[in-house]
Amino acid sequence: MKRIVKRHPLAIRWFHWINFPVLTIMIWSGLLIYWANDVYKIRLGGTILFQFFPESFYKTLGISYHLAQGMAFHFVFMWVFFLNGLIYVLYTWISGEWRGLVPDRHSFKEAWQVLLHDLHIPERRQGRFRRRTAPPQVKYNGAQKIAYSAIIVMGLGSVLTGLAIYKPVQFYWLCALFGGYGTARVIHFILTIGYCVFFLIHIVQVMLAGWNNFRAMIAGFEVVKESEPEPRPSFQLARKGPGVWWRLFKKSNRLTVEQQIQRRTLLSFSAFIVLGAAAWKSWSWLKQQPSDHGVPGPLRKGLNTDEKVFNKTLSPGHLAKTYPQSAAAKNVRTNGDIGLDTKSFDPGTWKFEVTRASKDTFSLSLDELRQLPKTEIVFDFKCIEGWSQISHWGGVKFSDFMKQYRLDPEAAMKYISLSTPDEGYYVGIDMASALHPQTLLCYEMNGAPLPLTHGYPLRLIIPVKYGIKSLKRIGSLSFSNERPPDYWFERGYDYFSGL
């Protein structure tokens, strides 16, 4: 005789099947981001055993050159990942489900027994080697309790390290807690690899556990076999043809246990297939939406919402961590030469063109800017590709420049716009960040004039934003209350790019 036993509540099943595709999207988009700075390797002494990842891996999956797209998907779906996990934890706590999930003092011993059993490692009994007997099965065995609890801890770790990477200036204390920006990024990557390993093991375990276990995660019940035979069904599905299946959609006390099993299985899997198809269709729809500044329109709206949330909740006054000059790199990394046409550029004719709110303009030479008080800063310059480097810069505070040239009406406006002399590269920056005490009109690097490759004679250094905002070779400056054009925003990146 068979008996239906309730296994997983509907809420738990929803959380599980929402998290599976969302976490897959987070891993996929994370790979699009990691591609831009794939520096992690497994070494043995000076020998590289494995690099994460070979170029063939990127080409096969079509990951190359999609950094902006990856960041857009990652920073929009992170909210779904976070909220689904948070509600799941709250539900298990309020409902009491956590009692069956949290490991107890017997769990590790039981997990070892489960492992030996699943690996078919025999034990010696009565003078012979026999297959180990599996521990008595409850809702979750010891190995499952440890694994599922570990995933919750890993999810929390991903959220916290993600924040430390995403906003290292705003969450400087969190970044320091993980050992710095670079270490937080390593931990975030290791957790991602951990999810992939868990996926593989989990899928294998589901396959080994069989149909009854898999059905429980969709339909919510398991079938337990007992010794007594089941009563004969009141009708035979095989003989009555397709029309009889419709009776399974009607709840009836006349159904036998076998018919109840078929009914609940059919209803649950029908709903699962419909919802899965809807999710896939939504994914296809999202990717095919018209582009809005380099990314699908709904993602751009999501990124704009991110900006509003963080602008409302975070302080623009946080300072980037500074270092002694001895910590600065001697060979400062260059990245990008857009707007730096060194062949046609004549340093002798360069001028800094400033347009006031009244549309009047004035020009400044580098010598005139050098007359203002000089400020030096050593900080960890962060590129949007993922790498960072401690570097030493010198110049005049942008706020001092504004005061010196009596640009008070302009300081009350919302944005500044900077562009290179050839207008090949341009950025828009919110006024609060421009007036930040660490923002410099920079003319020195490591105590010497800027090299041409770093924007000689004048560039912007803005430690509270990614390097894409630190425009090299400033040619002109203007002010507005509307968002000015921004080179990388037009190509899919976040407009503010704040840290």
Protein backbone atom coordinates (compact mmCIF):
# COMPACT_ATOMS: atom_id res chain seq x y z
CA MET A 1 0.00 0.00 0.00
CA LYS A 2 1.22 3.53 -0.76
CA ARG A 3 0.90 6.57 1.46
CA ILE A 4 1.30 10.26 0.59
CA VAL A 5 3.60 12.13 2.97
CA LYS A 6 3.92 15.91 2.90
CA ARG A 7 7.56 16.90 2.34
CA HIS A 8 8.15 20.51 1.24
CA PRO A 9 5.79 23.47 1.83
CA LEU A 10 4.79 25.49 -1.23
CA ALA A 11 6.83 28.51 -0.07
CA ILE A 12 10.03 26.47 0.17
CA ARG A 13 9.49 25.15 -3.34
CA TRP A 14 8.91 28.66 -4.69
CA PHE A 15 12.08 29.97 -3.07
CA HIS A 16 14.05 27.02 -4.46
CA TRP A 17 12.85 27.34 -8.04
CA ILE A 18 13.18 31.14 -8.08
CA ASN A 19 16.69 30.97 -6.71
CA PHE A 20 17.91 28.39 -9.22
CA PRO A 21 17.57 30.56 -12.39
CA VAL A 22 18.42 33.79 -10.55
CA LEU A 23 21.65 32.37 -9.16
CA THR A 24 22.44 30.99 -12.63
CA ILE A 25 22.02 34.51 -14.06
CA MET A 26 24.22 35.94 -11.29
CA ILE A 27 26.98 33.41 -12.05
CA TRP A 28 26.69 33.96 -15.81
CA SER A 29 26.78 37.77 -15.50
CA GLY A 30 29.61 37.46 -12.99
CA LEU A 31 31.64 35.61 -15.61
CA LEU A 32 30.98 38.44 -18.09
CA ILE A 33 32.46 40.81 -15.49
CA TYR A 34 35.35 38.55 -14.49
CA TRP A 35 36.43 38.14 -18.13
CA ALA A 36 37.73 41.74 -18.14
CA ASN A 37 40.28 40.95 -15.41
CA ASP A 38 40.68 37.17 -15.22
CA VAL A 39 43.75 37.05 -13.04
CA TYR A 40 43.11 34.06 -10.78
CA LYS A 41 45.23 30.95 -11.15
CA ILE A 42 46.05 27.81 -9.22
CA ARG A 43 49.82 27.61 -8.78
CA LEU A 44 52.25 25.09 -7.44
CA GLY A 45 55.45 26.99 -6.81
CA GLY A 46 56.13 28.87 -10.03
CA THR A 47 54.02 26.52 -12.17
CA ILE A 48 50.49 27.45 -13.21
CA LEU A 49 48.32 24.34 -12.84
CA PHE A 50 45.07 25.97 -13.96
CA GLN A 51 43.94 29.42 -15.00
CA PHE A 52 40.40 30.65 -14.40
CA PHE A 53 39.62 30.49 -17.32
CA PRO A 54 41.23 29.48 -20.64
CA GLU A 55 40.40 31.63 -23.66
CA SER A 56 38.56 28.69 -25.23
CA PHE A 57 36.14 28.76 -22.28
CA TYR A 58 35.17 32.38 -23.02
CA LYS A 59 34.85 31.81 -26.75
CA THR A 60 32.66 28.73 -26.31
CA LEU A 61 30.24 30.53 -24.00
CA GLY A 62 30.40 33.85 -25.89
CA ILE A 63 31.51 35.72 -22.77
CA SER A 64 34.17 38.03 -24.25
CA TYR A 65 33.56 41.77 -24.59
CA HIS A 66 30.30 41.92 -22.64
CA LEU A 67 31.45 43.70 -19.47
CA ALA A 68 28.76 46.40 -19.54
CA GLN A 69 26.03 43.85 -20.19
CA GLY A 70 27.34 41.64 -17.40
CA MET A 71 27.36 44.51 -14.90
CA ALA A 72 23.83 45.55 -15.91
CA PHE A 73 22.41 42.05 -15.40
CA HIS A 74 24.41 41.54 -12.20
CA PHE A 75 23.41 44.79 -10.52
CA VAL A 76 19.73 44.42 -11.41
CA PHE A 77 19.25 40.73 -10.57
CA MET A 78 21.23 41.12 -7.34
CA TRP A 79 18.07 42.56 -5.81
CA VAL A 80 16.05 39.47 -6.76
CA PHE A 81 18.79 37.21 -5.38
CA PHE A 82 18.99 39.20 -2.13
CA LEU A 83 15.23 39.56 -1.55
CA ASN A 84 14.48 35.92 -2.37
CA GLY A 85 17.17 34.80 0.07
CA LEU A 86 16.04 37.23 2.77
CA ILE A 87 12.38 36.18 2.54
CA TYR A 88 13.43 32.51 2.55
CA VAL A 89 15.41 32.96 5.77
CA LEU A 90 12.55 34.89 7.39
CA TYR A 91 10.07 32.21 6.35
CA THR A 92 12.13 29.34 7.73
CA TRP A 93 12.57 31.23 10.99
CA ILE A 94 8.91 32.20 11.44
CA SER A 95 7.51 28.84 10.27
CA GLY A 96 9.95 26.75 12.30
CA GLU A 97 11.34 25.04 9.19
CA TRP A 98 14.82 26.02 10.37
CA ARG A 99 14.69 23.25 13.01
CA GLY A 100 14.94 20.65 10.29
CA LEU A 101 17.67 22.52 8.38
CA VAL A 102 20.21 23.65 10.97
CA PRO A 103 22.90 21.01 11.72
CA ASP A 104 22.97 19.52 15.22
CA ARG A 105 25.72 17.73 17.13
CA HIS A 106 25.03 14.47 15.28
CA SER A 107 24.97 15.96 11.77
CA PHE A 108 28.67 15.75 10.96
CA LYS A 109 28.93 12.09 12.01
CA GLU A 110 25.79 11.30 10.02
CA ALA A 111 27.10 13.25 7.01
CA TRP A 112 30.26 11.10 7.04
CA GLN A 113 28.13 7.96 7.07
CA VAL A 114 26.03 9.30 4.17
CA LEU A 115 29.19 10.08 2.20
CA LEU A 116 30.63 6.59 2.70
CA HIS A 117 27.28 5.05 1.74
CA ASP A 118 26.90 7.17 -1.42
CA LEU A 119 30.46 6.38 -2.50
CA HIS A 120 29.74 2.65 -2.06
CA ILE A 121 32.62 2.22 0.37
CA PRO A 122 31.90 -1.07 2.16
CA GLU A 123 32.25 -1.81 5.85
CA ARG A 124 33.25 -5.05 7.50
CA ARG A 125 30.34 -6.81 9.17
CA GLN A 126 30.26 -10.38 10.42
CA GLY A 127 33.61 -11.09 8.81
CA ARG A 128 32.59 -9.87 5.35
CA PHE A 129 32.69 -6.57 3.53
CA ARG A 130 29.15 -5.33 2.92
CA ARG A 131 27.70 -2.11 1.62
CA ARG A 132 27.05 0.36 4.37
CA THR A 133 23.50 0.90 5.50
CA ALA A 134 22.27 4.43 4.96
CA PRO A 135 21.37 6.36 8.13
CA PRO A 136 17.64 6.49 8.87
CA GLN A 137 16.12 9.00 6.44
CA VAL A 138 14.37 12.00 7.94
CA LYS A 139 13.36 15.13 6.07
CA TYR A 140 17.01 16.18 5.74
CA ASN A 141 19.94 13.94 6.59
CA GLY A 142 23.11 15.26 8.17
CA ALA A 143 24.86 15.91 4.86
CA GLN A 144 21.87 17.84 3.52
CA LYS A 145 21.60 19.95 6.68
CA ILE A 146 25.26 20.93 6.41
CA ALA A 147 25.05 21.62 2.67
CA TYR A 148 21.84 23.66 2.76
CA SER A 149 22.97 25.67 5.79
CA ALA A 150 26.33 26.29 4.10
CA ILE A 151 24.53 27.67 1.03
CA ILE A 152 22.73 30.21 3.23
CA VAL A 153 26.05 31.29 4.75
CA MET A 154 27.60 31.45 1.27
CA GLY A 155 24.70 33.60 0.06
CA LEU A 156 25.29 36.03 2.93
CA GLY A 157 29.00 36.03 2.10
CA SER A 158 28.24 36.81 -1.55
CA VAL A 159 26.00 39.74 -0.58
CA LEU A 160 28.55 41.22 1.84
CA THR A 161 31.61 40.74 -0.39
CA GLY A 162 29.53 42.01 -3.32
CA LEU A 163 28.78 45.22 -1.42
CA ALA A 164 32.45 45.55 -0.47
CA ILE A 165 33.40 45.33 -4.17
CA TYR A 166 30.48 47.35 -5.53
CA LYS A 167 30.77 50.27 -3.07
CA PRO A 168 34.21 50.04 -1.41
CA VAL A 169 34.26 53.73 -0.46
CA GLN A 170 30.74 53.81 0.98
CA PHE A 171 31.21 50.46 2.77
CA TYR A 172 34.87 51.01 3.62
CA TRP A 173 34.47 49.21 6.97
CA LEU A 174 33.05 46.16 5.21
CA CYS A 175 35.84 46.22 2.65
CA ALA A 176 38.39 46.39 5.49
CA LEU A 177 36.65 43.52 7.29
CA PHE A 178 37.34 41.27 4.28
CA GLY A 179 40.97 42.33 4.10
CA GLY A 180 40.64 44.97 1.39
CA TYR A 181 39.17 45.36 -2.09
CA GLY A 182 41.34 42.71 -3.73
CA THR A 183 40.74 40.10 -1.03
CA ALA A 184 36.98 40.73 -1.06
CA ARG A 185 37.01 40.11 -4.81
CA VAL A 186 38.91 36.83 -4.33
CA ILE A 187 36.42 35.65 -1.68
CA HIS A 188 33.51 36.61 -3.95
CA PHE A 189 35.04 34.56 -6.76
CA ILE A 190 35.67 31.54 -4.51
CA LEU A 191 32.04 31.63 -3.36
CA THR A 192 30.94 31.63 -6.99
CA ILE A 193 33.06 28.56 -7.71
CA GLY A 194 31.50 27.04 -4.59
CA TYR A 195 28.01 27.52 -6.03
CA CYS A 196 29.06 25.75 -9.22
CA VAL A 197 30.47 22.81 -7.25
CA PHE A 198 27.29 22.68 -5.14
CA PHE A 199 25.16 22.68 -8.30
CA LEU A 200 27.02 19.69 -9.71
CA ILE A 201 26.90 17.70 -6.47
CA HIS A 202 23.25 18.61 -5.86
CA ILE A 203 22.17 17.49 -9.34
CA VAL A 204 24.05 14.20 -8.97
CA GLN A 205 22.43 13.63 -5.56
CA VAL A 206 18.97 14.32 -6.98
CA MET A 207 19.61 11.81 -9.76
CA LEU A 208 20.79 9.19 -7.27
CA ALA A 209 17.85 9.86 -4.94
CA GLY A 210 15.44 9.14 -7.78
CA TRP A 211 12.07 10.25 -9.05
CA ASN A 212 10.30 10.29 -5.68
CA ASN A 213 12.77 12.85 -4.30
CA PHE A 214 12.66 15.06 -7.40
CA ARG A 215 8.87 15.03 -7.48
CA ALA A 216 8.80 16.14 -3.83
CA MET A 217 10.59 19.38 -4.74
CA ILE A 218 7.93 20.17 -7.34
CA ALA A 219 4.74 18.60 -5.98
CA GLY A 220 5.59 18.87 -2.29
CA PHE A 221 4.95 15.25 -1.33
CA GLU A 222 6.66 11.87 -1.25
CA VAL A 223 5.17 8.44 -1.67
CA VAL A 224 5.90 5.93 1.09
CA LYS A 225 5.30 2.25 0.42
CA GLU A 226 3.72 0.14 3.13
CA SER A 227 3.08 -3.59 3.34
CA GLU A 228 -0.69 -3.59 2.88
CA PRO A 229 -1.98 -3.68 -0.72
CA GLU A 230 -3.79 -0.66 -2.02
CA PRO A 231 -7.52 -0.96 -2.77
CA ARG A 232 -8.43 -1.45 -6.43
CA PRO A 233 -8.95 1.88 -8.25
CA SER A 234 -12.52 2.89 -8.99
CA PHE A 235 -11.55 3.35 -12.67
CA GLN A 236 -8.64 2.34 -14.87
CA LEU A 237 -6.83 5.24 -16.55
CA ALA A 238 -5.29 3.06 -19.24
CA ARG A 239 -8.66 1.73 -20.37
CA LYS A 240 -10.73 4.88 -20.30
CA GLY A 241 -8.61 6.91 -22.69
CA PRO A 242 -7.45 10.55 -22.52
CA GLY A 243 -10.76 11.87 -21.30
CA VAL A 244 -10.31 10.20 -17.94
CA TRP A 245 -7.23 12.32 -17.20
CA TRP A 246 -9.51 15.33 -16.84
CA ARG A 247 -11.00 13.74 -13.73
CA LEU A 248 -7.60 14.03 -12.09
CA PHE A 249 -7.92 17.82 -12.12
CA LYS A 250 -11.01 17.54 -9.87
CA LYS A 251 -10.50 17.02 -6.18
CA SER A 252 -12.57 14.07 -5.00
CA ASN A 253 -12.68 11.86 -1.95
CA ARG A 254 -13.47 8.91 -4.23
CA LEU A 255 -9.94 8.88 -5.68
CA THR A 256 -7.65 6.12 -4.49
CA VAL A 257 -4.16 6.90 -3.21
CA GLU A 258 -2.68 6.04 -6.59
CA GLN A 259 -5.10 8.36 -8.34
CA GLN A 260 -4.36 11.13 -5.80
CA ILE A 261 -0.67 10.70 -6.53
CA GLN A 262 -1.31 10.97 -10.26
CA ARG A 263 -3.60 13.95 -9.81
CA ARG A 264 -1.21 15.94 -7.63
CA THR A 265 1.76 15.04 -9.80
CA LEU A 266 -0.05 16.10 -12.96
CA LEU A 267 -1.24 19.41 -11.50
CA SER A 268 2.14 20.28 -9.97
CA PHE A 269 4.18 19.44 -13.06
CA SER A 270 1.71 21.22 -15.33
CA ALA A 271 2.10 24.38 -13.24
CA PHE A 272 5.87 23.89 -13.14
CA ILE A 273 6.12 23.58 -16.92
CA VAL A 274 3.86 26.60 -17.54
CA LEU A 275 5.77 28.79 -15.09
CA GLY A 276 9.11 27.57 -16.44
CA ALA A 277 8.05 28.39 -19.99
CA ALA A 278 6.87 31.82 -18.84
CA ALA A 279 10.22 32.45 -17.15
CA TRP A 280 12.11 31.43 -20.29
CA LYS A 281 9.89 33.61 -22.44
CA SER A 282 10.46 36.55 -20.07
CA TRP A 283 14.22 36.01 -20.30
CA SER A 284 14.08 35.99 -24.10
CA TRP A 285 11.87 39.08 -24.05
CA LEU A 286 14.29 40.91 -21.75
CA LYS A 287 17.32 40.22 -23.95
CA GLN A 288 15.46 41.34 -27.09
CA GLN A 289 14.26 44.69 -25.74
CA PRO A 290 15.42 47.84 -27.55
CA SER A 291 18.72 49.21 -26.32
CA ASP A 292 18.72 52.18 -23.95
CA HIS A 293 22.26 53.59 -23.86
CA GLY A 294 23.95 50.27 -24.53
CA VAL A 295 21.78 47.81 -22.56
CA PRO A 296 18.19 46.52 -22.86
CA GLY A 297 15.67 49.14 -21.75
CA PRO A 298 14.38 47.30 -18.62
CA LEU A 299 17.95 46.84 -17.38
CA ARG A 300 18.64 50.55 -17.85
CA LYS A 301 15.57 51.30 -15.73
CA GLY A 302 16.91 48.90 -13.14
CA LEU A 303 20.30 50.62 -13.11
CA ASN A 304 18.58 54.00 -12.78
CA THR A 305 16.67 52.63 -9.79
CA ASP A 306 19.96 51.47 -8.28
CA GLU A 307 21.28 55.00 -8.64
CA LYS A 308 18.23 56.49 -6.93
CA VAL A 309 18.38 54.02 -4.06
CA PHE A 310 22.08 54.53 -3.38
CA ASN A 311 21.94 58.30 -3.89
CA LYS A 312 19.14 58.50 -1.31
CA THR A 313 20.69 56.14 1.24
CA LEU A 314 24.45 56.66 0.98
CA SER A 315 26.51 59.70 1.90
CA PRO A 316 28.49 61.56 -0.80
CA GLY A 317 30.98 62.69 1.85
CA HIS A 318 32.81 59.40 2.50
CA LEU A 319 36.55 59.57 1.83
CA ALA A 320 38.50 57.00 -0.13
CA LYS A 321 41.20 55.31 1.97
CA THR A 322 44.62 56.91 1.56
CA TYR A 323 48.11 55.39 1.84
CA PRO A 324 51.70 56.58 2.44
CA GLN A 325 53.66 57.55 -0.67
CA SER A 326 55.90 54.53 -0.20
CA ALA A 327 52.94 52.29 -1.04
CA ALA A 328 52.38 53.87 -4.45
CA ALA A 329 53.24 51.90 -7.59
CA LYS A 330 56.29 53.14 -9.49
CA ASN A 331 54.95 51.90 -12.81
CA VAL A 332 51.39 53.16 -12.97
CA ARG A 333 49.16 51.10 -15.17
CA THR A 334 47.65 52.74 -18.24
CA ASN A 335 44.31 51.61 -19.57
CA GLY A 336 42.59 53.22 -22.53
CA ASP A 337 43.75 55.92 -24.91
CA ILE A 338 40.44 57.30 -26.19
CA GLY A 339 40.84 61.03 -26.79
CA LEU A 340 44.64 60.84 -26.46
CA ASP A 341 45.80 61.33 -30.03
CA THR A 342 49.43 62.08 -29.15
CA LYS A 343 50.50 62.56 -32.79
CA SER A 344 48.25 65.54 -33.45
CA PHE A 345 48.35 66.95 -29.91
CA ASP A 346 50.55 70.03 -29.32
CA PRO A 347 51.16 70.61 -25.58
CA GLY A 348 52.35 74.15 -26.33
CA THR A 349 48.92 75.26 -27.55
CA TRP A 350 46.87 73.50 -24.88
CA LYS A 351 44.40 75.55 -22.89
CA PHE A 352 41.78 74.62 -20.29
CA GLU A 353 38.52 76.05 -21.65
CA VAL A 354 35.84 76.78 -19.02
CA THR A 355 32.26 77.71 -19.95
CA ARG A 356 30.24 79.48 -17.26
CA ALA A 357 26.50 79.05 -16.75
CA SER A 358 26.06 82.34 -18.59
CA LYS A 359 27.84 80.74 -21.60
CA ASP A 360 30.80 83.10 -21.17
CA THR A 361 34.11 81.30 -21.50
CA PHE A 362 37.62 81.76 -20.21
CA SER A 363 40.87 79.87 -20.72
CA LEU A 364 43.54 78.82 -18.27
CA SER A 365 47.08 77.60 -18.77
CA LEU A 366 48.74 74.91 -16.70
CA ASP A 367 50.99 77.53 -15.07
CA GLU A 368 47.92 79.42 -13.87
CA LEU A 369 46.48 76.29 -12.31
CA ARG A 370 49.80 75.59 -10.61
CA GLN A 371 49.44 78.88 -8.73
CA LEU A 372 46.61 77.38 -6.70
CA PRO A 373 47.31 75.37 -3.53
CA LYS A 374 48.65 71.94 -4.42
CA THR A 375 47.12 68.77 -2.97
CA GLU A 376 48.56 65.26 -3.17
CA ILE A 377 46.73 61.98 -2.69
CA VAL A 378 47.76 58.33 -2.64
CA PHE A 379 44.80 55.99 -3.02
CA ASP A 380 43.74 52.69 -4.56
CA PHE A 381 42.71 53.60 -8.12
CA LYS A 382 39.92 51.23 -9.20
CA CYS A 383 39.18 50.38 -12.81
CA ILE A 384 35.70 49.24 -13.77
CA GLU A 385 37.33 46.13 -15.29
CA GLY A 386 38.13 44.90 -11.79
CA TRP A 387 41.80 45.70 -11.26
CA SER A 388 43.10 48.28 -8.79
CA GLN A 389 46.45 49.91 -8.07
CA ILE A 390 47.70 52.23 -5.35
CA SER A 391 48.95 55.37 -7.09
CA HIS A 392 50.23 58.84 -6.19
CA TRP A 393 48.72 61.98 -7.76
CA GLY A 394 49.14 65.72 -7.31
CA GLY A 395 47.18 68.78 -8.43
CA VAL A 396 44.58 71.30 -7.32
CA LYS A 397 41.33 70.41 -5.62
CA PHE A 398 38.42 70.94 -7.96
CA SER A 399 36.60 72.71 -5.12
CA ASP A 400 39.55 75.14 -4.70
CA PHE A 401 39.50 75.81 -8.43
CA MET A 402 35.77 76.62 -8.25
CA LYS A 403 36.31 79.04 -5.37
CA GLN A 404 39.32 80.72 -6.93
CA TYR A 405 37.46 81.55 -10.13
CA ARG A 406 34.22 82.49 -8.36
CA LEU A 407 32.14 79.79 -9.90
CA ASP A 408 29.57 79.85 -7.09
CA PRO A 409 26.49 79.92 -9.39
CA GLU A 410 27.94 76.99 -11.29
CA ALA A 411 28.61 75.08 -8.04
CA ALA A 412 24.87 75.26 -7.33
CA MET A 413 24.12 73.38 -10.55
CA LYS A 414 23.74 69.58 -10.69
CA TYR A 415 26.41 68.40 -13.12
CA ILE A 416 29.73 69.17 -14.74
CA SER A 417 30.81 68.05 -18.19
CA LEU A 418 34.43 67.40 -19.13
CA SER A 419 35.85 66.43 -22.52
CA THR A 420 39.22 65.91 -24.18
CA PRO A 421 40.53 68.55 -26.64
CA ASP A 422 39.42 66.44 -29.61
CA GLU A 423 36.06 65.70 -27.88
CA GLY A 424 36.68 62.00 -28.45
CA TYR A 425 36.15 61.25 -24.76
CA TYR A 426 33.70 62.97 -22.44
CA VAL A 427 32.21 62.40 -18.99
CA GLY A 428 29.33 63.75 -16.97
CA ILE A 429 29.78 63.97 -13.20
CA ASP A 430 27.35 64.96 -10.46
CA MET A 431 28.34 68.16 -8.69
CA ALA A 432 28.51 66.56 -5.23
CA SER A 433 31.23 64.18 -6.45
CA ALA A 434 33.04 66.92 -8.37
CA LEU A 435 33.24 69.06 -5.22
CA HIS A 436 34.33 66.10 -3.09
CA PRO A 437 37.49 67.08 -1.14
CA GLN A 438 39.52 64.33 -2.84
CA THR A 439 38.64 65.27 -6.45
CA LEU A 440 41.65 66.79 -8.21
CA LEU A 441 42.49 68.62 -11.39
CA CYS A 442 45.66 66.60 -11.58
CA TYR A 443 48.96 67.58 -13.26
CA GLU A 444 51.45 65.31 -11.44
CA MET A 445 51.96 61.57 -11.00
CA ASN A 446 54.56 60.25 -8.55
CA GLY A 447 55.82 63.80 -8.05
CA ALA A 448 56.54 64.39 -11.75
CA PRO A 449 54.50 65.90 -14.61
CA LEU A 450 51.90 63.58 -16.06
CA PRO A 451 53.12 61.40 -18.92
CA LEU A 452 51.31 61.82 -22.23
CA THR A 453 49.76 58.37 -21.79
CA HIS A 454 48.21 59.48 -18.50
CA GLY A 455 46.69 62.68 -19.87
CA TYR A 456 49.39 65.36 -19.83
CA PRO A 457 49.03 68.21 -19.13
CA LEU A 458 45.85 67.93 -17.02
CA ARG A 459 43.49 65.14 -16.08
CA LEU A 460 40.79 64.47 -13.53
CA ILE A 461 41.33 62.23 -10.52
CA ILE A 462 38.13 61.33 -8.66
CA PRO A 463 38.77 58.57 -6.06
CA VAL A 464 35.09 58.06 -5.20
CA LYS A 465 34.31 56.80 -8.71
CA TYR A 466 35.61 54.16 -11.10
CA GLY A 467 38.50 55.15 -13.33
CA ILE A 468 36.22 55.67 -16.36
CA LYS A 469 35.25 59.00 -14.78
CA SER A 470 38.86 60.16 -14.29
CA LEU A 471 39.11 61.73 -17.73
CA LYS A 472 42.60 62.08 -19.17
CA ARG A 473 43.71 65.28 -20.91
CA ILE A 474 40.98 67.72 -19.98
CA GLY A 475 40.21 70.15 -22.78
CA SER A 476 36.97 71.79 -21.68
CA LEU A 477 34.65 72.12 -18.70
CA SER A 478 31.00 73.21 -18.62
CA PHE A 479 28.06 73.08 -16.20
CA SER A 480 24.40 72.10 -16.47
CA ASN A 481 21.30 71.02 -14.56
CA GLU A 482 20.64 68.21 -17.02
CA ARG A 483 22.74 65.10 -17.37
CA PRO A 484 25.47 65.84 -19.91
CA PRO A 485 26.58 63.12 -22.35
CA ASP A 486 28.89 60.46 -20.98
CA TYR A 487 31.04 58.22 -23.18
CA TRP A 488 30.74 54.97 -21.20
CA PHE A 489 27.13 55.53 -20.15
CA GLU A 490 26.25 55.52 -23.84
CA ARG A 491 27.95 52.12 -24.06
CA GLY A 492 25.99 50.45 -21.29
CA TYR A 493 27.64 51.44 -18.01
CA ASP A 494 26.15 53.07 -14.94
CA TYR A 495 26.06 56.86 -15.26
CA PHE A 496 27.30 57.66 -11.76
CA SER A 497 29.84 54.78 -11.51
CA GLY A 498 30.25 55.63 -7.84
CA LEU A 499 32.22 53.67 -5.30
